[in-house]
């Protein structure tokens, strides 16, 4: 096991100590558990060093407009939007 030091803001330290007292664990144990949790959530799986790719697009529930119509609306300038709302005059 490795020994290390960390610096905590006063309010974080006070809150952590309250959790330690309530759970009857040491501050070191609280830190170990917290680090282990963060690593389990954010660390990539071993051997999963693949190139990142953005997620595939998905239909977000637009109703009444086709994909082409959505694209057309999204590409309109603010002046075109203003004219459309006024009835094209």
PDB file of N, CA and C in Angstrom:
ATOM      1  N   UNK A   1       0.846  -1.171   0.000  1.00  0.00           N
ATOM      2  CA  UNK A   1       0.000   0.000   0.000  1.00  0.00           C
ATOM      3  C   UNK A   1       0.896   1.240   0.000  1.00  0.00           C
ATOM      4  N   UNK A   2       0.485   2.256  -0.710  1.00  0.00           N
ATOM      5  CA  UNK A   2       1.240   3.506  -0.825  1.00  0.00           C
ATOM      6  C   UNK A   2       0.640   4.531   0.124  1.00  0.00           C
ATOM      7  N   UNK A   3       1.487   5.280   0.782  1.00  0.00           N
ATOM      8  CA  UNK A   3       1.029   6.409   1.596  1.00  0.00           C
ATOM      9  C   UNK A   3       1.101   7.663   0.752  1.00  0.00           C
ATOM     10  N   UNK A   4       0.104   8.519   0.900  1.00  0.00           N
ATOM     11  CA  UNK A   4       0.100   9.774   0.166  1.00  0.00           C
ATOM     12  C   UNK A   4      -0.577  10.848   1.016  1.00  0.00           C
ATOM     13  N   UNK A   5      -0.445  12.074   0.601  1.00  0.00           N
ATOM     14  CA  UNK A   5      -1.100  13.190   1.281  1.00  0.00           C
ATOM     15  C   UNK A   5      -2.012  13.889   0.292  1.00  0.00           C
ATOM     16  N   UNK A   6      -3.109  14.417   0.797  1.00  0.00           N
ATOM     17  CA  UNK A   6      -4.001  15.208  -0.032  1.00  0.00           C
ATOM     18  C   UNK A   6      -4.330  16.498   0.692  1.00  0.00           C
ATOM     19  N   UNK A   7      -4.712  17.496  -0.055  1.00  0.00           N
ATOM     20  CA  UNK A   7      -5.142  18.759   0.525  1.00  0.00           C
ATOM     21  C   UNK A   7      -6.621  18.931   0.228  1.00  0.00           C
ATOM     22  N   UNK A   8      -7.381  19.271   1.255  1.00  0.00           N
ATOM     23  CA  UNK A   8      -8.817  19.453   1.121  1.00  0.00           C
ATOM     24  C   UNK A   8      -9.207  20.834   1.627  1.00  0.00           C
ATOM     25  N   UNK A   9     -10.162  21.471   0.975  1.00  0.00           N
ATOM     26  CA  UNK A   9     -10.703  22.711   1.530  1.00  0.00           C
ATOM     27  C   UNK A   9     -11.324  22.417   2.907  1.00  0.00           C
ATOM     28  N   UNK A  10     -11.340  23.393   3.771  1.00  0.00           N
ATOM     29  CA  UNK A  10     -11.836  23.201   5.134  1.00  0.00           C
ATOM     30  C   UNK A  10     -13.255  22.642   5.163  1.00  0.00           C
ATOM     31  N   UNK A  11     -14.143  23.162   4.327  1.00  0.00           N
ATOM     32  CA  UNK A  11     -15.529  22.694   4.352  1.00  0.00           C
ATOM     33  C   UNK A  11     -15.645  21.249   3.877  1.00  0.00           C
ATOM     34  N   UNK A  12     -14.841  20.858   2.896  1.00  0.00           N
ATOM     35  CA  UNK A  12     -14.866  19.468   2.413  1.00  0.00           C
ATOM     36  C   UNK A  12     -14.350  18.532   3.499  1.00  0.00           C
ATOM     37  N   UNK A  13     -13.289  18.938   4.177  1.00  0.00           N
ATOM     38  CA  UNK A  13     -12.734  18.125   5.261  1.00  0.00           C
ATOM     39  C   UNK A  13     -13.766  17.939   6.372  1.00  0.00           C
ATOM     40  N   UNK A  14     -14.449  19.027   6.746  1.00  0.00           N
ATOM     41  CA  UNK A  14     -15.445  18.947   7.818  1.00  0.00           C
ATOM     42  C   UNK A  14     -16.589  18.016   7.430  1.00  0.00           C
ATOM     43  N   UNK A  15     -17.064  18.122   6.188  1.00  0.00           N
ATOM     44  CA  UNK A  15     -18.136  17.244   5.733  1.00  0.00           C
ATOM     45  C   UNK A  15     -17.672  15.785   5.688  1.00  0.00           C
ATOM     46  N   UNK A  16     -16.440  15.571   5.239  1.00  0.00           N
ATOM     47  CA  UNK A  16     -15.900  14.207   5.166  1.00  0.00           C
ATOM     48  C   UNK A  16     -15.789  13.603   6.565  1.00  0.00           C
ATOM     49  N   UNK A  17     -15.341  14.397   7.531  1.00  0.00           N
ATOM     50  CA  UNK A  17     -15.205  13.890   8.902  1.00  0.00           C
ATOM     51  C   UNK A  17     -16.573  13.503   9.469  1.00  0.00           C
ATOM     52  N   UNK A  18     -17.626  14.273   9.131  1.00  0.00           N
ATOM     53  CA  UNK A  18     -18.967  13.926   9.601  1.00  0.00           C
ATOM     54  C   UNK A  18     -19.417  12.585   9.026  1.00  0.00           C
ATOM     55  N   UNK A  19     -19.107  12.347   7.751  1.00  0.00           N
ATOM     56  CA  UNK A  19     -19.443  11.058   7.129  1.00  0.00           C
ATOM     57  C   UNK A  19     -18.674   9.942   7.818  1.00  0.00           C
ATOM     58  N   UNK A  20     -17.397  10.186   8.115  1.00  0.00           N
ATOM     59  CA  UNK A  20     -16.571   9.170   8.784  1.00  0.00           C
ATOM     60  C   UNK A  20     -17.140   8.804  10.149  1.00  0.00           C
ATOM     61  N   UNK A  21     -17.550   9.800  10.901  1.00  0.00           N
ATOM     62  CA  UNK A  21     -18.123   9.539  12.229  1.00  0.00           C
ATOM     63  C   UNK A  21     -19.429   8.756  12.087  1.00  0.00           C
ATOM     64  N   UNK A  22     -20.272   9.178  11.158  1.00  0.00           N
ATOM     65  CA  UNK A  22     -21.556   8.514  10.975  1.00  0.00           C
ATOM     66  C   UNK A  22     -21.387   7.070  10.512  1.00  0.00           C
ATOM     67  N   UNK A  23     -20.410   6.799   9.664  1.00  0.00           N
ATOM     68  CA  UNK A  23     -20.185   5.455   9.118  1.00  0.00           C
ATOM     69  C   UNK A  23     -19.180   4.640   9.929  1.00  0.00           C
ATOM     70  N   UNK A  24     -18.582   5.292  10.924  1.00  0.00           N
ATOM     71  CA  UNK A  24     -17.562   4.646  11.760  1.00  0.00           C
ATOM     72  C   UNK A  24     -16.411   4.094  10.932  1.00  0.00           C
ATOM     73  N   UNK A  25     -15.896   4.956  10.037  1.00  0.00           N
ATOM     74  CA  UNK A  25     -14.729   4.593   9.224  1.00  0.00           C
ATOM     75  C   UNK A  25     -13.704   5.710   9.320  1.00  0.00           C
ATOM     76  N   UNK A  26     -12.479   5.403   8.943  1.00  0.00           N
ATOM     77  CA  UNK A  26     -11.430   6.413   8.967  1.00  0.00           C
ATOM     78  C   UNK A  26     -11.512   7.290   7.720  1.00  0.00           C
ATOM     79  N   UNK A  27     -10.860   8.435   7.798  1.00  0.00           N
ATOM     80  CA  UNK A  27     -10.803   9.323   6.637  1.00  0.00           C
ATOM     81  C   UNK A  27     -10.071   8.631   5.483  1.00  0.00           C
ATOM     82  N   UNK A  28      -9.044   7.844   5.807  1.00  0.00           N
ATOM     83  CA  UNK A  28      -8.325   7.102   4.770  1.00  0.00           C
ATOM     84  C   UNK A  28      -9.254   6.116   4.062  1.00  0.00           C
ATOM     85  N   UNK A  29     -10.099   5.435   4.830  1.00  0.00           N
ATOM     86  CA  UNK A  29     -11.031   4.477   4.230  1.00  0.00           C
ATOM     87  C   UNK A  29     -12.047   5.202   3.354  1.00  0.00           C
ATOM     88  N   UNK A  30     -12.540   6.341   3.803  1.00  0.00           N
ATOM     89  CA  UNK A  30     -13.471   7.126   3.000  1.00  0.00           C
ATOM     90  C   UNK A  30     -12.814   7.546   1.686  1.00  0.00           C
ATOM     91  N   UNK A  31     -11.571   7.989   1.752  1.00  0.00           N
ATOM     92  CA  UNK A  31     -10.849   8.395   0.544  1.00  0.00           C
ATOM     93  C   UNK A  31     -10.639   7.206  -0.388  1.00  0.00           C
ATOM     94  N   UNK A  32     -10.245   6.049   0.144  1.00  0.00           N
ATOM     95  CA  UNK A  32     -10.059   4.851  -0.682  1.00  0.00           C
ATOM     96  C   UNK A  32     -11.358   4.469  -1.389  1.00  0.00           C
ATOM     97  N   UNK A  33     -12.458   4.457  -0.632  1.00  0.00           N
ATOM     98  CA  UNK A  33     -13.748   4.093  -1.224  1.00  0.00           C
ATOM     99  C   UNK A  33     -14.162   5.090  -2.307  1.00  0.00           C
ATOM    100  N   UNK A  34     -13.932   6.363  -2.041  1.00  0.00           N
ATOM    101  CA  UNK A  34     -14.285   7.378  -3.031  1.00  0.00           C
ATOM    102  C   UNK A  34     -13.475   7.239  -4.302  1.00  0.00           C
ATOM    103  N   UNK A  35     -12.179   7.016  -4.152  1.00  0.00           N
ATOM    104  CA  UNK A  35     -11.308   6.851  -5.325  1.00  0.00           C
ATOM    105  C   UNK A  35     -11.676   5.585  -6.088  1.00  0.00           C
ATOM    106  N   UNK A  36     -11.930   4.501  -5.368  1.00  0.00           N
ATOM    107  CA  UNK A  36     -12.327   3.257  -6.032  1.00  0.00           C
ATOM    108  C   UNK A  36     -13.628   3.435  -6.804  1.00  0.00           C
ATOM    109  N   UNK A  37     -14.570   4.180  -6.227  1.00  0.00           N
ATOM    110  CA  UNK A  37     -15.841   4.415  -6.919  1.00  0.00           C
ATOM    111  C   UNK A  37     -15.612   5.220  -8.196  1.00  0.00           C
ATOM    112  N   UNK A  38     -14.867   6.306  -8.107  1.00  0.00           N
ATOM    113  CA  UNK A  38     -14.601   7.139  -9.278  1.00  0.00           C
ATOM    114  C   UNK A  38     -13.889   6.324 -10.355  1.00  0.00           C
ATOM    115  N   UNK A  39     -12.935   5.508  -9.976  1.00  0.00           N
ATOM    116  CA  UNK A  39     -12.232   4.677 -10.956  1.00  0.00           C
ATOM    117  C   UNK A  39     -13.163   3.664 -11.609  1.00  0.00           C
ATOM    118  N   UNK A  40     -14.111   3.124 -10.849  1.00  0.00           N
ATOM    119  CA  UNK A  40     -15.037   2.151 -11.431  1.00  0.00           C
ATOM    120  C   UNK A  40     -15.992   2.815 -12.411  1.00  0.00           C
ATOM    121  N   UNK A  41     -16.292   4.087 -12.202  1.00  0.00           N
ATOM    122  CA  UNK A  41     -17.228   4.791 -13.067  1.00  0.00           C
ATOM    123  C   UNK A  41     -16.535   5.364 -14.301  1.00  0.00           C
ATOM    124  N   UNK A  42     -15.346   5.938 -14.126  1.00  0.00           N
ATOM    125  CA  UNK A  42     -14.705   6.670 -15.209  1.00  0.00           C
ATOM    126  C   UNK A  42     -13.539   5.963 -15.886  1.00  0.00           C
ATOM    127  N   UNK A  43     -12.939   4.997 -15.254  1.00  0.00           N
ATOM    128  CA  UNK A  43     -11.769   4.355 -15.849  1.00  0.00           C
ATOM    129  C   UNK A  43     -12.198   3.426 -16.977  1.00  0.00           C
ATOM    130  N   UNK A  44     -11.473   3.458 -18.098  1.00  0.00           N
ATOM    131  CA  UNK A  44     -11.808   2.531 -19.182  1.00  0.00           C
ATOM    132  C   UNK A  44     -11.454   1.102 -18.791  1.00  0.00           C
ATOM    133  N   UNK A  45     -12.154   0.178 -19.394  1.00  0.00           N
ATOM    134  CA  UNK A  45     -11.866  -1.228 -19.173  1.00  0.00           C
ATOM    135  C   UNK A  45     -10.474  -1.546 -19.706  1.00  0.00           C
ATOM    136  N   UNK A  46      -9.763  -2.475 -19.084  1.00  0.00           N
ATOM    137  CA  UNK A  46      -8.449  -2.856 -19.608  1.00  0.00           C
ATOM    138  C   UNK A  46      -8.573  -3.364 -21.044  1.00  0.00           C
ATOM    139  N   UNK A  47      -7.716  -2.883 -21.915  1.00  0.00           N
ATOM    140  CA  UNK A  47      -7.721  -3.305 -23.308  1.00  0.00           C
ATOM    141  C   UNK A  47      -8.762  -2.601 -24.156  1.00  0.00           C
ATOM    142  N   UNK A  48      -9.497  -1.654 -23.586  1.00  0.00           N
ATOM    143  CA  UNK A  48     -10.555  -0.977 -24.338  1.00  0.00           C
ATOM    144  C   UNK A  48     -10.091   0.388 -24.832  1.00  0.00           C
ATOM    145  N   UNK A  49      -8.844   0.487 -25.237  1.00  0.00           N
ATOM    146  CA  UNK A  49      -8.295   1.765 -25.706  1.00  0.00           C
ATOM    147  C   UNK A  49      -8.624   1.941 -27.184  1.00  0.00           C
ATOM    148  N   UNK A  50      -9.890   2.141 -27.455  1.00  0.00           N
ATOM    149  CA  UNK A  50     -10.332   2.342 -28.826  1.00  0.00           C
ATOM    150  C   UNK A  50     -10.432   3.832 -29.097  1.00  0.00           C
ATOM    151  N   UNK A  51     -10.356   4.168 -30.353  1.00  0.00           N
ATOM    152  CA  UNK A  51     -10.501   5.554 -30.748  1.00  0.00           C
ATOM    153  C   UNK A  51     -11.924   6.009 -30.433  1.00  0.00           C
ATOM    154  N   UNK A  52     -12.058   7.209 -29.831  1.00  0.00           N
ATOM    155  CA  UNK A  52     -13.369   7.725 -29.480  1.00  0.00           C
ATOM    156  C   UNK A  52     -14.119   8.120 -30.738  1.00  0.00           C
ATOM    157  N   UNK A  53     -15.390   7.783 -30.765  1.00  0.00           N
ATOM    158  CA  UNK A  53     -16.271   8.170 -31.859  1.00  0.00           C
ATOM    159  C   UNK A  53     -17.524   8.781 -31.265  1.00  0.00           C
ATOM    160  N   UNK A  54     -18.054   9.805 -31.907  1.00  0.00           N
ATOM    161  CA  UNK A  54     -19.287  10.390 -31.374  1.00  0.00           C
ATOM    162  C   UNK A  54     -20.433   9.397 -31.467  1.00  0.00           C
ATOM    163  N   UNK A  55     -21.423   9.542 -30.598  1.00  0.00           N
ATOM    164  CA  UNK A  55     -22.561   8.620 -30.673  1.00  0.00           C
ATOM    165  C   UNK A  55     -23.318   8.795 -31.977  1.00  0.00           C
ATOM    166  N   UNK A  56     -23.975   7.727 -32.396  1.00  0.00           N
ATOM    167  CA  UNK A  56     -24.749   7.778 -33.630  1.00  0.00           C
ATOM    168  C   UNK A  56     -25.965   8.683 -33.425  1.00  0.00           C
ATOM    169  N   UNK A  57     -26.350   9.437 -34.452  1.00  0.00           N
ATOM    170  CA  UNK A  57     -27.534  10.279 -34.312  1.00  0.00           C
ATOM    171  C   UNK A  57     -28.776   9.432 -34.079  1.00  0.00           C
ATOM    172  N   UNK A  58     -29.718  10.003 -33.369  1.00  0.00           N
ATOM    173  CA  UNK A  58     -30.953   9.279 -33.108  1.00  0.00           C
ATOM    174  C   UNK A  58     -32.128  10.217 -33.257  1.00  0.00           C
ATOM    175  N   UNK A  59     -33.269   9.660 -33.478  1.00  0.00           N
ATOM    176  CA  UNK A  59     -34.492  10.439 -33.614  1.00  0.00           C
ATOM    177  C   UNK A  59     -34.903  10.895 -32.222  1.00  0.00           C
ATOM    178  N   UNK A  60     -34.973  12.192 -32.010  1.00  0.00           N
ATOM    179  CA  UNK A  60     -35.249  12.717 -30.683  1.00  0.00           C
ATOM    180  C   UNK A  60     -36.721  13.038 -30.457  1.00  0.00           C
ATOM    181  N   UNK A  61     -37.581  12.477 -31.257  1.00  0.00           N
ATOM    182  CA  UNK A  61     -38.995  12.597 -31.004  1.00  0.00           C
ATOM    183  C   UNK A  61     -39.689  13.742 -31.713  1.00  0.00           C
ATOM    184  N   UNK A  62     -39.086  14.303 -32.740  1.00  0.00           N
ATOM    185  CA  UNK A  62     -39.754  15.350 -33.500  1.00  0.00           C
ATOM    186  C   UNK A  62     -40.957  14.722 -34.191  1.00  0.00           C
ATOM    187  N   UNK A  63     -42.065  15.390 -34.107  1.00  0.00           N
ATOM    188  CA  UNK A  63     -43.265  14.860 -34.743  1.00  0.00           C
ATOM    189  C   UNK A  63     -43.803  15.896 -35.708  1.00  0.00           C
ATOM    190  N   UNK A  64     -44.237  15.425 -36.850  1.00  0.00           N
ATOM    191  CA  UNK A  64     -44.849  16.315 -37.822  1.00  0.00           C
ATOM    192  C   UNK A  64     -43.878  16.853 -38.856  1.00  0.00           C
ATOM    193  N   UNK A  65     -42.581  16.704 -38.659  1.00  0.00           N
ATOM    194  CA  UNK A  65     -41.599  17.164 -39.634  1.00  0.00           C
ATOM    195  C   UNK A  65     -40.721  15.998 -40.052  1.00  0.00           C
ATOM    196  N   UNK A  66     -40.410  15.933 -41.328  1.00  0.00           N
ATOM    197  CA  UNK A  66     -39.485  14.906 -41.806  1.00  0.00           C
ATOM    198  C   UNK A  66     -38.067  15.357 -41.478  1.00  0.00           C
ATOM    199  N   UNK A  67     -37.108  14.474 -41.632  1.00  0.00           N
ATOM    200  CA  UNK A  67     -35.712  14.835 -41.381  1.00  0.00           C
ATOM    201  C   UNK A  67     -35.265  15.957 -42.312  1.00  0.00           C
ATOM    202  N   UNK A  68     -35.729  15.933 -43.556  1.00  0.00           N
ATOM    203  CA  UNK A  68     -35.379  16.990 -44.515  1.00  0.00           C
ATOM    204  C   UNK A  68     -35.959  18.336 -44.068  1.00  0.00           C
ATOM    205  N   UNK A  69     -37.195  18.322 -43.571  1.00  0.00           N
ATOM    206  CA  UNK A  69     -37.821  19.562 -43.107  1.00  0.00           C
ATOM    207  C   UNK A  69     -37.122  20.111 -41.861  1.00  0.00           C
ATOM    208  N   UNK A  70     -36.708  19.227 -40.976  1.00  0.00           N
ATOM    209  CA  UNK A  70     -35.967  19.652 -39.783  1.00  0.00           C
ATOM    210  C   UNK A  70     -34.663  20.303 -40.198  1.00  0.00           C
ATOM    211  N   UNK A  71     -33.950  19.674 -41.144  1.00  0.00           N
ATOM    212  CA  UNK A  71     -32.687  20.223 -41.625  1.00  0.00           C
ATOM    213  C   UNK A  71     -32.912  21.585 -42.256  1.00  0.00           C
ATOM    214  N   UNK A  72     -33.956  21.708 -43.054  1.00  0.00           N
ATOM    215  CA  UNK A  72     -34.260  22.984 -43.717  1.00  0.00           C
ATOM    216  C   UNK A  72     -34.525  24.079 -42.674  1.00  0.00           C
ATOM    217  N   UNK A  73     -35.309  23.763 -41.666  1.00  0.00           N
ATOM    218  CA  UNK A  73     -35.610  24.726 -40.608  1.00  0.00           C
ATOM    219  C   UNK A  73     -34.345  25.123 -39.844  1.00  0.00           C
ATOM    220  N   UNK A  74     -33.486  24.152 -39.573  1.00  0.00           N
ATOM    221  CA  UNK A  74     -32.271  24.416 -38.805  1.00  0.00           C
ATOM    222  C   UNK A  74     -31.295  25.296 -39.564  1.00  0.00           C
ATOM    223  N   UNK A  75     -31.332  25.264 -40.887  1.00  0.00           N
ATOM    224  CA  UNK A  75     -30.385  26.017 -41.694  1.00  0.00           C
ATOM    225  C   UNK A  75     -30.899  27.398 -42.088  1.00  0.00           C
ATOM    226  N   UNK A  76     -32.080  27.756 -41.643  1.00  0.00           N
ATOM    227  CA  UNK A  76     -32.631  29.070 -41.967  1.00  0.00           C
ATOM    228  C   UNK A  76     -31.901  30.160 -41.184  1.00  0.00           C
ATOM    229  N   UNK A  77     -31.708  31.300 -41.837  1.00  0.00           N
ATOM    230  CA  UNK A  77     -31.121  32.454 -41.149  1.00  0.00           C
ATOM    231  C   UNK A  77     -32.199  33.118 -40.304  1.00  0.00           C
ATOM    232  N   UNK A  78     -31.791  33.999 -39.401  1.00  0.00           N
ATOM    233  CA  UNK A  78     -32.765  34.684 -38.555  1.00  0.00           C
ATOM    234  C   UNK A  78     -33.699  35.557 -39.394  1.00  0.00           C
ATOM    235  N   UNK A  79     -33.206  36.134 -40.483  1.00  0.00           N
ATOM    236  CA  UNK A  79     -34.061  36.949 -41.354  1.00  0.00           C
ATOM    237  C   UNK A  79     -35.124  36.081 -42.022  1.00  0.00           C
ATOM    238  N   UNK A  80     -34.731  34.882 -42.471  1.00  0.00           N
ATOM    239  CA  UNK A  80     -35.692  33.969 -43.092  1.00  0.00           C
ATOM    240  C   UNK A  80     -36.743  33.522 -42.087  1.00  0.00           C
ATOM    241  N   UNK A  81     -36.334  33.281 -40.870  1.00  0.00           N
ATOM    242  CA  UNK A  81     -37.281  32.876 -39.821  1.00  0.00           C
ATOM    243  C   UNK A  81     -38.270  33.998 -39.580  1.00  0.00           C
ATOM    244  N   UNK A  82     -37.763  35.233 -39.504  1.00  0.00           N
ATOM    245  CA  UNK A  82     -38.634  36.396 -39.276  1.00  0.00           C
ATOM    246  C   UNK A  82     -39.648  36.556 -40.406  1.00  0.00           C
ATOM    247  N   UNK A  83     -39.195  36.391 -41.649  1.00  0.00           N
ATOM    248  CA  UNK A  83     -40.108  36.503 -42.787  1.00  0.00           C
ATOM    249  C   UNK A  83     -41.146  35.391 -42.791  1.00  0.00           C
ATOM    250  N   UNK A  84     -40.749  34.187 -42.416  1.00  0.00           N
ATOM    251  CA  UNK A  84     -41.666  33.049 -42.375  1.00  0.00           C
ATOM    252  C   UNK A  84     -42.759  33.283 -41.349  1.00  0.00           C
ATOM    253  N   UNK A  85     -42.377  33.842 -40.204  1.00  0.00           N
ATOM    254  CA  UNK A  85     -43.362  34.106 -39.146  1.00  0.00           C
ATOM    255  C   UNK A  85     -44.340  35.197 -39.523  1.00  0.00           C
ATOM    256  N   UNK A  86     -43.903  36.113 -40.391  1.00  0.00           N
ATOM    257  CA  UNK A  86     -44.778  37.225 -40.801  1.00  0.00           C
ATOM    258  C   UNK A  86     -45.609  36.856 -42.013  1.00  0.00           C
ATOM    259  N   UNK A  87     -45.487  35.645 -42.489  1.00  0.00           N
ATOM    260  CA  UNK A  87     -46.297  35.207 -43.626  1.00  0.00           C
ATOM    261  C   UNK A  87     -45.629  35.441 -44.959  1.00  0.00           C
ATOM    262  N   UNK A  88     -44.286  35.639 -44.951  1.00  0.00           N
ATOM    263  CA  UNK A  88     -43.543  35.766 -46.197  1.00  0.00           C
ATOM    264  C   UNK A  88     -43.614  37.126 -46.848  1.00  0.00           C
ATOM    265  N   UNK A  89     -44.101  38.147 -46.145  1.00  0.00           N
ATOM    266  CA  UNK A  89     -44.184  39.465 -46.775  1.00  0.00           C
ATOM    267  C   UNK A  89     -42.932  40.266 -46.617  1.00  0.00           C
TER     268      UNK A  89
END
